[in-house]
């Protein structure tokens, strides 16, 4: 059921983001090594920038996971209640 409050009460799938971030960092590192070995420093630098961005995202994800159920609720945490109609 849509309530219209989804932008403020949405929850992120942090565990999925965690694993996707690890997967992306592994591929970016593979790209850096491969392009360095092939002699393409520009592409290696681009993969390095992607790796750096993913490392920052990974750090944020881990921080949110450690902050507990506000960011990553378990099965025992009910969904947020939608705001009342008069509240803005």
C-alpha atoms as a PDB file:
ATOM      1  CA  UNK A   1       0.000   0.000   0.000  1.00  0.00           C
ATOM      2  CA  UNK A   2       1.362   3.397  -0.942  1.00  0.00           C
ATOM      3  CA  UNK A   3       0.913   6.192   1.542  1.00  0.00           C
ATOM      4  CA  UNK A   4       2.806   9.023  -0.122  1.00  0.00           C
ATOM      5  CA  UNK A   5       5.378   9.057   2.687  1.00  0.00           C
ATOM      6  CA  UNK A   6       7.807   6.689   0.967  1.00  0.00           C
ATOM      7  CA  UNK A   7      10.559   9.254   0.318  1.00  0.00           C
ATOM      8  CA  UNK A   8      10.851  10.010   4.041  1.00  0.00           C
ATOM      9  CA  UNK A   9      10.246   6.504   5.395  1.00  0.00           C
ATOM     10  CA  UNK A  10      12.048   4.431   2.768  1.00  0.00           C
ATOM     11  CA  UNK A  11      14.593   1.886   3.939  1.00  0.00           C
ATOM     12  CA  UNK A  12      17.688   0.826   2.075  1.00  0.00           C
ATOM     13  CA  UNK A  13      18.677  -2.794   1.569  1.00  0.00           C
ATOM     14  CA  UNK A  14      22.037  -2.257   3.240  1.00  0.00           C
ATOM     15  CA  UNK A  15      23.102  -5.886   3.270  1.00  0.00           C
ATOM     16  CA  UNK A  16      22.556  -6.122  -0.480  1.00  0.00           C
ATOM     17  CA  UNK A  17      24.426  -2.836  -0.977  1.00  0.00           C
ATOM     18  CA  UNK A  18      27.241  -4.206   1.200  1.00  0.00           C
ATOM     19  CA  UNK A  19      27.784  -7.261  -1.005  1.00  0.00           C
ATOM     20  CA  UNK A  20      27.339  -5.329  -4.246  1.00  0.00           C
ATOM     21  CA  UNK A  21      29.876  -2.790  -3.051  1.00  0.00           C
ATOM     22  CA  UNK A  22      32.396  -5.530  -2.286  1.00  0.00           C
ATOM     23  CA  UNK A  23      31.776  -7.076  -5.702  1.00  0.00           C
ATOM     24  CA  UNK A  24      32.258  -3.710  -7.400  1.00  0.00           C
ATOM     25  CA  UNK A  25      35.453  -2.950  -5.496  1.00  0.00           C
ATOM     26  CA  UNK A  26      36.876  -6.330  -6.500  1.00  0.00           C
ATOM     27  CA  UNK A  27      36.117  -5.661 -10.182  1.00  0.00           C
ATOM     28  CA  UNK A  28      37.502  -2.128  -9.994  1.00  0.00           C
ATOM     29  CA  UNK A  29      40.737  -3.443  -8.472  1.00  0.00           C
ATOM     30  CA  UNK A  30      40.887  -6.119 -11.170  1.00  0.00           C
ATOM     31  CA  UNK A  31      40.496  -3.336 -13.751  1.00  0.00           C
ATOM     32  CA  UNK A  32      43.298  -1.297 -12.202  1.00  0.00           C
ATOM     33  CA  UNK A  33      45.700  -4.251 -12.229  1.00  0.00           C
ATOM     34  CA  UNK A  34      44.699  -5.345 -15.731  1.00  0.00           C
ATOM     35  CA  UNK A  35      45.048  -1.887 -17.293  1.00  0.00           C
ATOM     36  CA  UNK A  36      48.365  -1.258 -15.547  1.00  0.00           C
ATOM     37  CA  UNK A  37      49.686  -4.543 -16.936  1.00  0.00           C
ATOM     38  CA  UNK A  38      48.373  -3.700 -20.412  1.00  0.00           C
ATOM     39  CA  UNK A  39      49.920  -0.236 -20.301  1.00  0.00           C
ATOM     40  CA  UNK A  40      46.735   1.866 -20.280  1.00  0.00           C
ATOM     41  CA  UNK A  41      47.284   4.333 -17.429  1.00  0.00           C
ATOM     42  CA  UNK A  42      44.176   6.387 -18.222  1.00  0.00           C
ATOM     43  CA  UNK A  43      41.856   3.415 -17.888  1.00  0.00           C
ATOM     44  CA  UNK A  44      43.726   2.269 -14.788  1.00  0.00           C
ATOM     45  CA  UNK A  45      43.186   5.707 -13.239  1.00  0.00           C
ATOM     46  CA  UNK A  46      39.491   5.603 -14.141  1.00  0.00           C
ATOM     47  CA  UNK A  47      39.133   2.214 -12.444  1.00  0.00           C
ATOM     48  CA  UNK A  48      41.037   3.613  -9.468  1.00  0.00           C
ATOM     49  CA  UNK A  49      38.554   6.482  -9.170  1.00  0.00           C
ATOM     50  CA  UNK A  50      35.657   4.016  -9.340  1.00  0.00           C
ATOM     51  CA  UNK A  51      37.341   1.933  -6.630  1.00  0.00           C
ATOM     52  CA  UNK A  52      37.777   5.022  -4.442  1.00  0.00           C
ATOM     53  CA  UNK A  53      34.114   6.003  -4.810  1.00  0.00           C
ATOM     54  CA  UNK A  54      33.013   2.475  -3.985  1.00  0.00           C
ATOM     55  CA  UNK A  55      35.307   2.390  -0.948  1.00  0.00           C
ATOM     56  CA  UNK A  56      33.666   5.577   0.366  1.00  0.00           C
ATOM     57  CA  UNK A  57      30.213   4.088  -0.263  1.00  0.00           C
ATOM     58  CA  UNK A  58      31.298   0.869   1.477  1.00  0.00           C
ATOM     59  CA  UNK A  59      32.414   2.888   4.503  1.00  0.00           C
ATOM     60  CA  UNK A  60      29.041   4.635   4.700  1.00  0.00           C
ATOM     61  CA  UNK A  61      27.198   1.322   4.367  1.00  0.00           C
ATOM     62  CA  UNK A  62      29.222  -0.290   7.157  1.00  0.00           C
ATOM     63  CA  UNK A  63      28.638   2.750   9.364  1.00  0.00           C
ATOM     64  CA  UNK A  64      24.884   2.541   8.815  1.00  0.00           C
ATOM     65  CA  UNK A  65      24.853  -1.196   9.459  1.00  0.00           C
ATOM     66  CA  UNK A  66      26.605  -0.640  12.788  1.00  0.00           C
ATOM     67  CA  UNK A  67      24.136   2.072  13.810  1.00  0.00           C
ATOM     68  CA  UNK A  68      21.468  -0.526  14.273  1.00  0.00           C
ATOM     69  CA  UNK A  69      17.791  -0.921  13.420  1.00  0.00           C
ATOM     70  CA  UNK A  70      17.165   2.708  12.474  1.00  0.00           C
ATOM     71  CA  UNK A  71      19.111   2.076   9.284  1.00  0.00           C
ATOM     72  CA  UNK A  72      18.879  -1.687   8.960  1.00  0.00           C
ATOM     73  CA  UNK A  73      15.827  -3.031  10.730  1.00  0.00           C
ATOM     74  CA  UNK A  74      15.535  -6.695  11.488  1.00  0.00           C
ATOM     75  CA  UNK A  75      12.468  -8.857  11.086  1.00  0.00           C
ATOM     76  CA  UNK A  76      11.267  -7.909  14.561  1.00  0.00           C
ATOM     77  CA  UNK A  77      11.177  -4.149  13.780  1.00  0.00           C
ATOM     78  CA  UNK A  78       7.824  -3.103  12.296  1.00  0.00           C
ATOM     79  CA  UNK A  79       7.693  -0.697   9.346  1.00  0.00           C
ATOM     80  CA  UNK A  80       7.430   2.996  10.024  1.00  0.00           C
ATOM     81  CA  UNK A  81       3.918   4.254  10.521  1.00  0.00           C
ATOM     82  CA  UNK A  82       2.817   6.675   7.823  1.00  0.00           C
ATOM     83  CA  UNK A  83       2.481  10.273   8.989  1.00  0.00           C
ATOM     84  CA  UNK A  84      -0.929  11.569   9.929  1.00  0.00           C
ATOM     85  CA  UNK A  85      -2.737  13.535   7.225  1.00  0.00           C
ATOM     86  CA  UNK A  86      -2.394  16.914   8.991  1.00  0.00           C
ATOM     87  CA  UNK A  87       1.359  16.552   9.745  1.00  0.00           C
ATOM     88  CA  UNK A  88       3.784  18.055   7.226  1.00  0.00           C
END
